[in-house]
Amino acid sequence: MSQEKPSNPLVPIAIVVAIPVIVCLIIMLTDQGIERSLLWAAVKTGIILIVIGGAISFGVSRLAERNTSR
């Protein structure tokens, strides 16, 4: 039997969360009443938070893998 690598539990959660966020972003982009600079600042902040969360998740998974292999 081959050992399957456990998948990251954040991937399905990220997909479920990303769909409504993308829909809201498209709606906000088409609305003329929203100031573009505020919208893009929110998008940049979201991307930065996603990258930080991904880095933390990756680091923790590597640390857990290293501790279980001892």
Protein backbone atom coordinates (compact mmCIF):
# COMPACT_ATOMS: atom_id res chain seq x y z
CA MET A 1 0.00 0.00 0.00
CA SER A 2 1.24 3.44 -0.82
CA GLN A 3 1.15 6.12 1.80
CA GLU A 4 -0.97 9.06 0.74
CA LYS A 5 0.24 12.48 1.69
CA PRO A 6 -2.39 14.16 3.88
CA SER A 7 -3.97 17.13 2.17
CA ASN A 8 -4.02 20.58 3.68
CA PRO A 9 -7.44 21.16 5.32
CA LEU A 10 -7.27 24.85 4.41
CA VAL A 11 -7.65 24.15 0.68
CA PRO A 12 -11.37 23.21 0.71
CA ILE A 13 -12.09 25.98 3.20
CA ALA A 14 -10.28 28.49 1.01
CA ILE A 15 -12.28 27.40 -2.03
CA VAL A 16 -15.59 27.75 -0.19
CA VAL A 17 -14.62 31.19 1.12
CA ALA A 18 -13.13 32.40 -2.17
CA ILE A 19 -16.26 31.93 -4.27
CA PRO A 20 -18.48 34.49 -2.47
CA VAL A 21 -15.53 36.86 -2.04
CA ILE A 22 -14.91 36.84 -5.79
CA VAL A 23 -18.59 37.42 -6.49
CA CYS A 24 -18.65 40.38 -4.08
CA LEU A 25 -15.50 41.77 -5.69
CA ILE A 26 -17.09 41.60 -9.15
CA ILE A 27 -20.22 43.33 -7.85
CA MET A 28 -18.15 46.07 -6.20
CA LEU A 29 -16.09 46.56 -9.36
CA THR A 30 -19.23 47.14 -11.42
CA ASP A 31 -20.76 49.56 -8.88
CA GLN A 32 -20.00 53.19 -9.69
CA GLY A 33 -20.57 54.40 -6.11
CA ILE A 34 -17.53 52.67 -4.62
CA GLU A 35 -14.24 54.55 -4.68
CA ARG A 36 -11.64 52.53 -6.53
CA SER A 37 -8.71 53.38 -4.25
CA LEU A 38 -10.52 51.94 -1.21
CA LEU A 39 -11.48 48.83 -3.15
CA TRP A 40 -7.93 48.18 -4.31
CA ALA A 41 -6.57 48.82 -0.82
CA ALA A 42 -8.95 46.16 0.50
CA VAL A 43 -7.88 43.75 -2.24
CA LYS A 44 -4.18 44.30 -1.49
CA THR A 45 -4.77 43.80 2.23
CA GLY A 46 -6.67 40.57 1.55
CA ILE A 47 -3.88 39.24 -0.64
CA ILE A 48 -1.26 40.05 1.99
CA LEU A 49 -3.30 38.29 4.69
CA ILE A 50 -3.78 35.23 2.47
CA VAL A 51 -0.04 35.02 1.80
CA ILE A 52 0.78 35.36 5.51
CA GLY A 53 -1.80 32.71 6.42
CA GLY A 54 -0.46 30.36 3.76
CA ALA A 55 3.10 30.84 4.98
CA ILE A 56 2.09 30.13 8.58
CA SER A 57 0.12 27.05 7.50
CA PHE A 58 3.05 25.78 5.44
CA GLY A 59 5.49 26.35 8.30
CA VAL A 60 3.30 24.58 10.83
CA SER A 61 2.74 21.61 8.51
CA ARG A 62 6.50 21.24 7.96
CA LEU A 63 7.12 21.49 11.70
CA ALA A 64 4.48 18.86 12.42
CA GLU A 65 5.91 16.58 9.74
CA ARG A 66 9.39 16.94 11.17
CA ASN A 67 8.18 16.16 14.71
CA THR A 68 6.21 13.06 13.68
CA SER A 69 9.12 11.53 11.77
CA ARG A 70 11.31 11.21 14.89
